[in-house]
C-alpha atoms as a PDB file:
ATOM      1  CA  MET A   1      -1.106 169.157-220.161  1.00  0.00           C
ATOM      2  CA  LYS A   2      -3.150 172.442-219.243  1.00  0.00           C
ATOM      3  CA  LYS A   3      -0.662 174.544-220.583  1.00  0.00           C
ATOM      4  CA  SER A   4       0.184 172.860-224.049  1.00  0.00           C
ATOM      5  CA  LYS A   5      -3.824 173.090-224.342  1.00  0.00           C
ATOM      6  CA  GLY A   6      -3.465 176.748-223.950  1.00  0.00           C
ATOM      7  CA  LEU A   7      -0.248 177.293-225.835  1.00  0.00           C
ATOM      8  CA  LEU A   8      -2.295 175.365-228.791  1.00  0.00           C
ATOM      9  CA  PHE A   9      -5.246 177.259-228.520  1.00  0.00           C
ATOM     10  CA  MET A  10      -3.132 180.525-228.887  1.00  0.00           C
ATOM     11  CA  LEU A  11      -1.380 179.550-231.875  1.00  0.00           C
ATOM     12  CA  LYS A  12      -4.623 178.313-233.501  1.00  0.00           C
ATOM     13  CA  LEU A  13      -5.827 182.032-232.467  1.00  0.00           C
ATOM     14  CA  LEU A  14      -2.517 183.425-234.435  1.00  0.00           C
ATOM     15  CA  PHE A  15      -2.310 181.081-237.639  1.00  0.00           C
ATOM     16  CA  PRO A  16      -5.336 180.341-240.077  1.00  0.00           C
ATOM     17  CA  LEU A  17      -7.054 176.456-240.021  1.00  0.00           C
ATOM     18  CA  THR A  18      -6.524 175.031-243.322  1.00  0.00           C
ATOM     19  CA  GLU A  19      -9.408 172.986-244.381  1.00  0.00           C
ATOM     20  CA  CYS A  20      -8.320 170.053-246.453  1.00  0.00           C
ATOM     21  CA  ARG A  21     -10.821 167.387-248.236  1.00  0.00           C
ATOM     22  CA  ILE A  22      -8.816 163.504-249.404  1.00  0.00           C
ATOM     23  CA  THR A  23     -11.206 163.187-252.412  1.00  0.00           C
ATOM     24  CA  ARG A  24     -11.265 160.460-255.079  1.00  0.00           C
ATOM     25  CA  HIS A  25      -9.312 162.241-257.701  1.00  0.00           C
ATOM     26  CA  GLY A  26      -6.855 164.725-255.130  1.00  0.00           C
ATOM     27  CA  ILE A  27      -6.368 167.268-252.558  1.00  0.00           C
ATOM     28  CA  TYR A  28      -8.824 170.336-251.986  1.00  0.00           C
ATOM     29  CA  ILE A  29      -7.191 172.941-249.913  1.00  0.00           C
ATOM     30  CA  ASN A  30      -9.461 175.794-248.499  1.00  0.00           C
ATOM     31  CA  LYS A  31      -7.706 178.353-245.850  1.00  0.00           C
ATOM     32  CA  LYS A  32      -9.821 179.506-243.901  1.00  0.00           C
ATOM     33  CA  LEU A  33     -11.113 182.974-242.946  1.00  0.00           C
ATOM     34  CA  GLN A  34      -9.441 183.645-239.081  1.00  0.00           C
ATOM     35  CA  ALA A  35     -10.926 186.440-237.421  1.00  0.00           C
ATOM     36  CA  ARG A  36     -10.300 187.509-233.901  1.00  0.00           C
ATOM     37  CA  LEU A  37      -6.434 188.408-233.974  1.00  0.00           C
ATOM     38  CA  THR A  38      -4.948 188.163-237.160  1.00  0.00           C
ATOM     39  CA  LYS A  39      -8.347 189.006-239.245  1.00  0.00           C
ATOM     40  CA  LYS A  40      -6.738 187.428-242.566  1.00  0.00           C
ATOM     41  CA  VAL A  41      -8.672 186.990-245.756  1.00  0.00           C
ATOM     42  CA  ALA A  42      -9.001 183.815-246.658  1.00  0.00           C
ATOM     43  CA  GLU A  43      -7.793 182.763-249.324  1.00  0.00           C
ATOM     44  CA  GLY A  44      -9.741 181.121-252.428  1.00  0.00           C
ATOM     45  CA  PRO A  45     -10.066 177.257-252.524  1.00  0.00           C
ATOM     46  CA  LEU A  46      -7.399 175.324-254.680  1.00  0.00           C
ATOM     47  CA  TYR A  47      -7.803 171.843-255.645  1.00  0.00           C
ATOM     48  CA  PHE A  48      -5.129 169.894-257.298  1.00  0.00           C
ATOM     49  CA  PRO A  49      -6.069 167.131-259.549  1.00  0.00           C
ATOM     50  CA  TYR A  50      -3.913 164.382-259.276  1.00  0.00           C
ATOM     51  CA  ASP A  51      -4.611 160.784-258.920  1.00  0.00           C
ATOM     52  CA  LEU A  52      -4.316 159.584-255.323  1.00  0.00           C
ATOM     53  CA  ASP A  53      -0.934 156.969-254.845  1.00  0.00           C
ATOM     54  CA  PHE A  54      -1.022 155.412-251.464  1.00  0.00           C
ATOM     55  CA  SER A  55       2.035 153.437-252.331  1.00  0.00           C
ATOM     56  CA  LYS A  56       5.343 154.244-250.655  1.00  0.00           C
ATOM     57  CA  ASN A  57       5.934 158.583-251.317  1.00  0.00           C
ATOM     58  CA  GLY A  58       2.999 158.325-253.661  1.00  0.00           C
ATOM     59  CA  PHE A  59       0.939 160.460-251.334  1.00  0.00           C
ATOM     60  CA  GLU A  60       4.072 162.450-249.811  1.00  0.00           C
ATOM     61  CA  ALA A  61       4.702 163.776-253.685  1.00  0.00           C
ATOM     62  CA  ILE A  62       0.858 164.870-254.051  1.00  0.00           C
ATOM     63  CA  TRP A  63       0.679 166.973-250.676  1.00  0.00           C
ATOM     64  CA  GLU A  64       4.264 168.636-251.735  1.00  0.00           C
ATOM     65  CA  LYS A  65       2.241 169.635-255.274  1.00  0.00           C
ATOM     66  CA  ALA A  66      -0.620 171.015-253.043  1.00  0.00           C
ATOM     67  CA  ILE A  67       1.168 172.243-250.545  1.00  0.00           C
ATOM     68  CA  THR A  68       3.368 174.029-252.698  1.00  0.00           C
ATOM     69  CA  GLY A  69       0.170 175.852-254.387  1.00  0.00           C
ATOM     70  CA  ILE A  70      -0.401 178.073-251.417  1.00  0.00           C
ATOM     71  CA  LYS A  71       1.600 181.284-250.259  1.00  0.00           C
ATOM     72  CA  ALA A  72       2.424 180.099-246.502  1.00  0.00           C
ATOM     73  CA  SER A  73       2.508 176.239-245.462  1.00  0.00           C
ATOM     74  CA  PRO A  74      -0.548 175.717-243.260  1.00  0.00           C
ATOM     75  CA  LYS A  75       0.622 174.817-240.009  1.00  0.00           C
ATOM     76  CA  PHE A  76      -2.921 173.932-238.395  1.00  0.00           C
ATOM     77  CA  LEU A  77      -5.165 171.247-240.612  1.00  0.00           C
ATOM     78  CA  GLU A  78      -8.396 170.152-240.491  1.00  0.00           C
ATOM     79  CA  MET A  79      -8.858 166.881-242.773  1.00  0.00           C
ATOM     80  CA  THR A  80     -12.090 165.395-244.150  1.00  0.00           C
ATOM     81  CA  VAL A  81     -11.525 162.399-246.034  1.00  0.00           C
ATOM     82  CA  SER A  82     -13.869 161.335-248.395  1.00  0.00           C
ATOM     83  CA  ASP A  83     -16.674 158.707-248.050  1.00  0.00           C
ATOM     84  CA  TYR A  84     -15.221 156.859-251.470  1.00  0.00           C
ATOM     85  CA  TRP A  85     -12.347 155.684-249.403  1.00  0.00           C
ATOM     86  CA  LEU A  86     -14.133 154.721-246.212  1.00  0.00           C
ATOM     87  CA  ARG A  87     -16.617 151.890-245.209  1.00  0.00           C
ATOM     88  CA  TYR A  88     -19.283 152.253-242.970  1.00  0.00           C
ATOM     89  CA  PHE A  89     -21.665 149.860-240.945  1.00  0.00           C
ATOM     90  CA  VAL A  90     -23.485 149.242-238.159  1.00  0.00           C
ATOM     91  CA  PHE A  91     -22.223 147.226-235.292  1.00  0.00           C
ATOM     92  CA  THR A  92     -24.408 145.982-232.268  1.00  0.00           C
ATOM     93  CA  PRO A  93     -22.208 143.835-229.724  1.00  0.00           C
ATOM     94  CA  PRO A  94     -23.454 140.364-228.933  1.00  0.00           C
ATOM     95  CA  ASN A  95     -24.013 139.606-224.923  1.00  0.00           C
ATOM     96  CA  THR A  96     -20.644 137.974-224.449  1.00  0.00           C
ATOM     97  CA  ALA A  97     -18.755 141.671-225.223  1.00  0.00           C
ATOM     98  CA  SER A  98     -18.067 142.978-221.975  1.00  0.00           C
ATOM     99  CA  SER A  99     -14.838 145.442-222.375  1.00  0.00           C
ATOM    100  CA  LEU A 100     -13.778 147.784-225.178  1.00  0.00           C
ATOM    101  CA  ASP A 101     -11.542 145.567-226.609  1.00  0.00           C
ATOM    102  CA  ASP A 102     -13.901 142.737-226.859  1.00  0.00           C
ATOM    103  CA  MET A 103     -16.619 145.116-229.036  1.00  0.00           C
ATOM    104  CA  ARG A 104     -13.496 146.355-231.271  1.00  0.00           C
ATOM    105  CA  GLY A 105     -12.593 142.097-231.973  1.00  0.00           C
ATOM    106  CA  PHE A 106     -16.082 141.779-233.044  1.00  0.00           C
ATOM    107  CA  ALA A 107     -16.553 144.780-235.142  1.00  0.00           C
ATOM    108  CA  SER A 108     -13.520 143.627-237.208  1.00  0.00           C
ATOM    109  CA  MET A 109     -14.858 140.218-237.417  1.00  0.00           C
ATOM    110  CA  ARG A 110     -18.154 141.764-238.988  1.00  0.00           C
ATOM    111  CA  PHE A 111     -16.266 144.236-241.114  1.00  0.00           C
ATOM    112  CA  GLU A 112     -14.465 141.112-242.999  1.00  0.00           C
ATOM    113  CA  THR A 113     -17.868 139.381-243.317  1.00  0.00           C
ATOM    114  CA  LEU A 114     -19.368 142.553-245.101  1.00  0.00           C
ATOM    115  CA  PHE A 115     -16.413 143.562-247.169  1.00  0.00           C
ATOM    116  CA  ASN A 116     -14.517 140.704-247.466  1.00  0.00           C
ATOM    117  CA  GLN A 117     -11.107 142.159-246.618  1.00  0.00           C
ATOM    118  CA  ALA A 118      -8.321 141.901-243.674  1.00  0.00           C
ATOM    119  CA  SER A 119      -9.363 144.276-241.035  1.00  0.00           C
ATOM    120  CA  GLU A 120      -5.463 144.643-240.518  1.00  0.00           C
ATOM    121  CA  ASP A 121      -5.468 146.881-242.984  1.00  0.00           C
ATOM    122  CA  TRP A 122      -8.156 149.268-241.823  1.00  0.00           C
ATOM    123  CA  VAL A 123      -8.586 151.568-238.865  1.00  0.00           C
ATOM    124  CA  LEU A 124     -11.885 151.072-237.242  1.00  0.00           C
ATOM    125  CA  ARG A 125     -13.553 154.039-235.377  1.00  0.00           C
ATOM    126  CA  SER A 126     -16.767 154.684-233.255  1.00  0.00           C
ATOM    127  CA  ASP A 127     -18.314 155.912-230.192  1.00  0.00           C
ATOM    128  CA  TRP A 128     -18.533 152.534-229.032  1.00  0.00           C
ATOM    129  CA  SER A 129     -21.591 151.571-227.062  1.00  0.00           C
ATOM    130  CA  THR A 130     -21.951 148.475-225.028  1.00  0.00           C
ATOM    131  CA  THR A 131     -26.012 149.009-224.716  1.00  0.00           C
ATOM    132  CA  GLY A 132     -26.805 149.574-228.640  1.00  0.00           C
ATOM    133  CA  SER A 133     -25.451 150.007-231.910  1.00  0.00           C
ATOM    134  CA  SER A 134     -22.804 151.947-232.776  1.00  0.00           C
ATOM    135  CA  LEU A 135     -21.656 153.566-236.419  1.00  0.00           C
ATOM    136  CA  VAL A 136     -18.574 152.307-237.373  1.00  0.00           C
ATOM    137  CA  CYS A 137     -16.236 154.053-239.482  1.00  0.00           C
ATOM    138  CA  ALA A 138     -13.109 151.922-241.299  1.00  0.00           C
ATOM    139  CA  ILE A 139     -10.512 154.162-242.656  1.00  0.00           C
ATOM    140  CA  PRO A 140      -7.486 152.946-244.795  1.00  0.00           C
ATOM    141  CA  ARG A 141      -4.168 152.368-242.507  1.00  0.00           C
ATOM    142  CA  HIS A 142      -1.925 153.160-245.032  1.00  0.00           C
ATOM    143  CA  LEU A 143      -4.022 156.065-245.645  1.00  0.00           C
ATOM    144  CA  ILE A 144      -3.807 157.549-242.340  1.00  0.00           C
ATOM    145  CA  ASP A 145       0.181 156.471-242.160  1.00  0.00           C
ATOM    146  CA  GLN A 146       0.591 158.409-245.356  1.00  0.00           C
ATOM    147  CA  ILE A 147      -1.360 161.181-243.849  1.00  0.00           C
ATOM    148  CA  GLN A 148       0.521 161.373-240.554  1.00  0.00           C
ATOM    149  CA  ALA A 149       4.319 160.681-242.080  1.00  0.00           C
ATOM    150  CA  SER A 150       3.524 163.586-244.670  1.00  0.00           C
ATOM    151  CA  THR A 151       2.247 166.278-242.151  1.00  0.00           C
ATOM    152  CA  LYS A 152       4.704 165.326-239.437  1.00  0.00           C
ATOM    153  CA  MET A 153       7.614 165.822-241.707  1.00  0.00           C
ATOM    154  CA  ARG A 154       6.421 169.846-241.923  1.00  0.00           C
ATOM    155  CA  ARG A 155       5.738 170.143-238.022  1.00  0.00           C
ATOM    156  CA  GLN A 156       2.376 170.638-239.322  1.00  0.00           C
ATOM    157  CA  CYS A 157      -0.802 169.872-236.559  1.00  0.00           C
ATOM    158  CA  ILE A 158      -3.855 167.507-237.502  1.00  0.00           C
ATOM    159  CA  THR A 159      -6.744 169.222-235.615  1.00  0.00           C
ATOM    160  CA  SER A 160      -9.041 166.900-236.674  1.00  0.00           C
ATOM    161  CA  LEU A 161      -9.496 164.232-239.397  1.00  0.00           C
ATOM    162  CA  GLN A 162     -13.441 163.534-239.829  1.00  0.00           C
ATOM    163  CA  PRO A 163     -15.221 161.228-242.822  1.00  0.00           C
ATOM    164  CA  ASN A 164     -17.039 163.088-244.893  1.00  0.00           C
ATOM    165  CA  PHE A 165     -20.331 161.430-244.135  1.00  0.00           C
ATOM    166  CA  ILE A 166     -20.088 161.714-240.613  1.00  0.00           C
ATOM    167  CA  LYS A 167     -19.090 165.292-240.781  1.00  0.00           C
ATOM    168  CA  GLU A 168     -22.157 166.072-242.308  1.00  0.00           C
ATOM    169  CA  TRP A 169     -24.292 164.544-239.749  1.00  0.00           C
ATOM    170  CA  ASN A 170     -22.994 166.028-237.433  1.00  0.00           C
ATOM    171  CA  LYS A 171     -23.911 169.227-239.038  1.00  0.00           C
ATOM    172  CA  TRP A 172     -27.342 168.562-239.895  1.00  0.00           C
ATOM    173  CA  LYS A 173     -28.648 165.627-237.272  1.00  0.00           C
ATOM    174  CA  ASN A 174     -30.415 168.491-234.878  1.00  0.00           C
ATOM    175  CA  THR A 175     -32.221 169.112-238.264  1.00  0.00           C
ATOM    176  CA  ILE A 176     -33.425 165.646-238.879  1.00  0.00           C
ATOM    177  CA  LYS A 177     -36.871 163.956-237.606  1.00  0.00           C
ATOM    178  CA  ASP A 178     -36.954 160.365-236.350  1.00  0.00           C
ATOM    179  CA  GLY A 179     -37.586 157.749-239.287  1.00  0.00           C
ATOM    180  CA  THR A 180     -36.141 160.393-241.848  1.00  0.00           C
ATOM    181  CA  TRP A 181     -33.538 159.166-244.640  1.00  0.00           C
ATOM    182  CA  PHE A 182     -30.623 160.776-244.634  1.00  0.00           C
ATOM    183  CA  ALA A 183     -27.950 160.934-247.778  1.00  0.00           C
ATOM    184  CA  VAL A 184     -24.650 162.685-247.951  1.00  0.00           C
ATOM    185  CA  CYS A 185     -23.837 162.989-252.075  1.00  0.00           C
ATOM    186  CA  GLU A 186     -20.203 163.399-253.195  1.00  0.00           C
ATOM    187  CA  SER A 187     -19.060 163.391-256.819  1.00  0.00           C
ATOM    188  CA  THR A 188     -18.597 159.567-256.832  1.00  0.00           C
ATOM    189  CA  GLY A 189     -21.711 158.259-254.757  1.00  0.00           C
ATOM    190  CA  LEU A 190     -23.503 159.024-251.897  1.00  0.00           C
ATOM    191  CA  VAL A 191     -23.951 157.644-248.424  1.00  0.00           C
ATOM    192  CA  VAL A 192     -27.528 157.113-247.396  1.00  0.00           C
ATOM    193  CA  ALA A 193     -28.681 156.482-243.574  1.00  0.00           C
ATOM    194  CA  VAL A 194     -31.836 155.971-241.390  1.00  0.00           C
ATOM    195  CA  ALA A 195     -32.075 157.860-238.675  1.00  0.00           C
ATOM    196  CA  GLN A 196     -34.207 157.738-235.285  1.00  0.00           C
ATOM    197  CA  PHE A 197     -33.738 159.353-231.648  1.00  0.00           C
ATOM    198  CA  GLY A 198     -30.262 161.226-232.836  1.00  0.00           C
ATOM    199  CA  SER A 199     -28.522 158.310-234.143  1.00  0.00           C
ATOM    200  CA  ILE A 200     -27.759 156.157-237.084  1.00  0.00           C
ATOM    201  CA  VAL A 201     -29.402 152.536-237.188  1.00  0.00           C
ATOM    202  CA  ASN A 202     -28.627 151.187-240.647  1.00  0.00           C
ATOM    203  CA  LEU A 203     -26.422 153.097-243.992  1.00  0.00           C
ATOM    204  CA  LEU A 204     -25.489 152.206-247.229  1.00  0.00           C
ATOM    205  CA  SER A 205     -22.674 153.431-249.329  1.00  0.00           C
ATOM    206  CA  VAL A 206     -23.849 153.605-253.348  1.00  0.00           C
ATOM    207  CA  PRO A 207     -21.299 154.423-256.000  1.00  0.00           C
ATOM    208  CA  TYR A 208     -22.742 156.097-258.650  1.00  0.00           C
ATOM    209  CA  GLY A 209     -23.233 153.987-261.888  1.00  0.00           C
ATOM    210  CA  ALA A 210     -23.466 154.739-265.563  1.00  0.00           C
ATOM    211  CA  GLU A 211     -26.909 156.466-265.291  1.00  0.00           C
ATOM    212  CA  LYS A 212     -27.582 158.746-261.922  1.00  0.00           C
ATOM    213  CA  ASN A 213     -30.816 159.915-262.848  1.00  0.00           C
ATOM    214  CA  GLY A 214     -33.528 160.422-260.895  1.00  0.00           C
ATOM    215  CA  GLN A 215     -34.982 156.593-261.162  1.00  0.00           C
ATOM    216  CA  TRP A 216     -31.726 155.687-260.446  1.00  0.00           C
ATOM    217  CA  LEU A 217     -31.838 157.115-257.525  1.00  0.00           C
ATOM    218  CA  ILE A 218     -35.431 155.963-256.506  1.00  0.00           C
ATOM    219  CA  ASN A 219     -34.054 152.389-257.542  1.00  0.00           C
ATOM    220  CA  GLN A 220     -31.064 152.257-255.303  1.00  0.00           C
ATOM    221  CA  LEU A 221     -33.145 153.631-252.281  1.00  0.00           C
ATOM    222  CA  ILE A 222     -35.811 150.866-252.828  1.00  0.00           C
ATOM    223  CA  ARG A 223     -33.035 148.516-253.087  1.00  0.00           C
ATOM    224  CA  PHE A 224     -31.814 149.972-249.583  1.00  0.00           C
ATOM    225  CA  SER A 225     -35.306 149.381-248.551  1.00  0.00           C
ATOM    226  CA  VAL A 226     -34.852 145.537-248.919  1.00  0.00           C
ATOM    227  CA  LEU A 227     -31.779 145.462-247.766  1.00  0.00           C
ATOM    228  CA  ALA A 228     -32.707 147.390-244.165  1.00  0.00           C
ATOM    229  CA  ARG A 229     -35.649 145.839-243.937  1.00  0.00           C
ATOM    230  CA  SER A 230     -37.636 148.822-243.470  1.00  0.00           C
ATOM    231  CA  ALA A 231     -40.276 150.436-245.574  1.00  0.00           C
ATOM    232  CA  LEU A 232     -39.400 153.713-247.579  1.00  0.00           C
ATOM    233  CA  PRO A 233     -40.021 156.748-245.933  1.00  0.00           C
ATOM    234  CA  GLU A 234     -42.097 159.744-246.751  1.00  0.00           C
ATOM    235  CA  GLN A 235     -39.431 161.923-247.701  1.00  0.00           C
ATOM    236  CA  LEU A 236     -35.491 162.045-248.007  1.00  0.00           C
ATOM    237  CA  GLU A 237     -33.389 164.633-247.036  1.00  0.00           C
ATOM    238  CA  ILE A 238     -30.314 165.034-248.812  1.00  0.00           C
ATOM    239  CA  VAL A 239     -27.241 167.362-248.402  1.00  0.00           C
ATOM    240  CA  GLY A 240     -23.651 167.766-249.661  1.00  0.00           C
ATOM    241  CA  GLU A 241     -22.641 167.745-253.767  1.00  0.00           C
ATOM    242  CA  VAL A 242     -26.427 166.798-254.823  1.00  0.00           C
ATOM    243  CA  PRO A 243     -26.245 166.693-258.769  1.00  0.00           C
ATOM    244  CA  THR A 244     -28.647 169.298-260.502  1.00  0.00           C
ATOM    245  CA  HIS A 245     -30.297 167.351-262.586  1.00  0.00           C
ATOM    246  CA  TRP A 246     -32.275 165.421-260.134  1.00  0.00           C
ATOM    247  CA  ASN A 247     -34.516 168.705-259.854  1.00  0.00           C
ATOM    248  CA  LEU A 248     -34.968 168.497-255.578  1.00  0.00           C
ATOM    249  CA  LYS A 249     -36.683 170.515-253.847  1.00  0.00           C
ATOM    250  CA  LYS A 250     -34.483 173.245-251.425  1.00  0.00           C
ATOM    251  CA  ILE A 251     -35.954 172.721-248.188  1.00  0.00           C
ATOM    252  CA  MET A 252     -33.071 174.621-245.329  1.00  0.00           C
ATOM    253  CA  THR A 253     -30.596 177.209-246.249  1.00  0.00           C
ATOM    254  CA  ASN A 254     -28.706 178.430-243.707  1.00  0.00           C
ATOM    255  CA  GLN A 255     -25.204 178.768-242.089  1.00  0.00           C
ATOM    256  CA  LEU A 256     -24.663 174.487-242.706  1.00  0.00           C
ATOM    257  CA  GLY A 257     -25.258 174.619-246.518  1.00  0.00           C
ATOM    258  CA  ASP A 258     -27.998 173.730-248.489  1.00  0.00           C
ATOM    259  CA  LYS A 259     -30.741 171.004-247.788  1.00  0.00           C
ATOM    260  CA  TYR A 260     -32.833 169.598-250.403  1.00  0.00           C
ATOM    261  CA  SER A 261     -35.516 166.810-249.809  1.00  0.00           C
ATOM    262  CA  LEU A 262     -36.978 164.456-252.354  1.00  0.00           C
ATOM    263  CA  SER A 263     -40.564 162.902-251.793  1.00  0.00           C
ATOM    264  CA  LEU A 264     -40.998 159.373-251.439  1.00  0.00           C
ATOM    265  CA  VAL A 265     -45.158 159.006-250.502  1.00  0.00           C
ATOM    266  CA  ASN A 266     -46.257 157.330-254.202  1.00  0.00           C
ATOM    267  CA  THR A 267     -43.250 154.801-254.367  1.00  0.00           C
ATOM    268  CA  ALA A 268     -43.808 154.134-250.342  1.00  0.00           C
ATOM    269  CA  MET A 269     -47.155 153.318-251.357  1.00  0.00           C
ATOM    270  CA  ASN A 270     -46.174 151.033-253.641  1.00  0.00           C
ATOM    271  CA  ASP A 271     -43.460 149.508-251.953  1.00  0.00           C
ATOM    272  CA  HIS A 272     -46.074 148.958-249.464  1.00  0.00           C
ATOM    273  CA  LYS A 273     -48.461 147.302-251.854  1.00  0.00           C
ATOM    274  CA  SER A 274     -46.054 145.019-253.519  1.00  0.00           C
ATOM    275  CA  GLN A 275     -44.992 143.557-250.231  1.00  0.00           C
ATOM    276  CA  GLN A 276     -48.697 142.489-249.375  1.00  0.00           C
END
């Protein structure tokens, strides 16, 4: 077992990692700079705007078109799945849950109640906890099957398969204060969450409507406040593909990217008065 891990580590040094994003409209591929041994220059990002089709051979055809545009077929893949395809919820196990199987079973029932979809068509992933709440991410089973089949056919190795929101949360969580609301934007919508003690205690996925101006964002945050039974915070912190016309304040720029903020002080005061 140790030898195989060592071999994988050496191969990853010799071959560049390739970042792949499975988005709503296509596949985005970016070959990363691989230093140390090869010191190859990274290729520029490539985007393949095809409507994704998960029917039989649908994803396979799209994947073939995507990797054809790269000089050398990628071997090691870091894959990120757009939140558009995913379902998130916070799960608190009942007292009767005494095992991992129990928690998965109860979480599956909770998923079906929340989203009115059959849980067997989805793969539920979480850092399960028997003593507290867990953030659960549901990924379409047919999407995972298509990805695995397409990469296995070409002897490609998936080093990681991450949901977009969780990837961004793991990058930024050490910079987020307790009680702060944290949002991740994509081209199709955003996921907003409440953070406490380094964990997500509530969250909501919000697709963009016909209008996604600043007032639309405020309205969605008020709606989330009602659903989560949580008062609006003084500030919302946002990362990702943040719409420029929101005119948000940039509060941090580092190797992780850019982080923006939206002051909710006046909104929070008005929300408090309306509840009195």
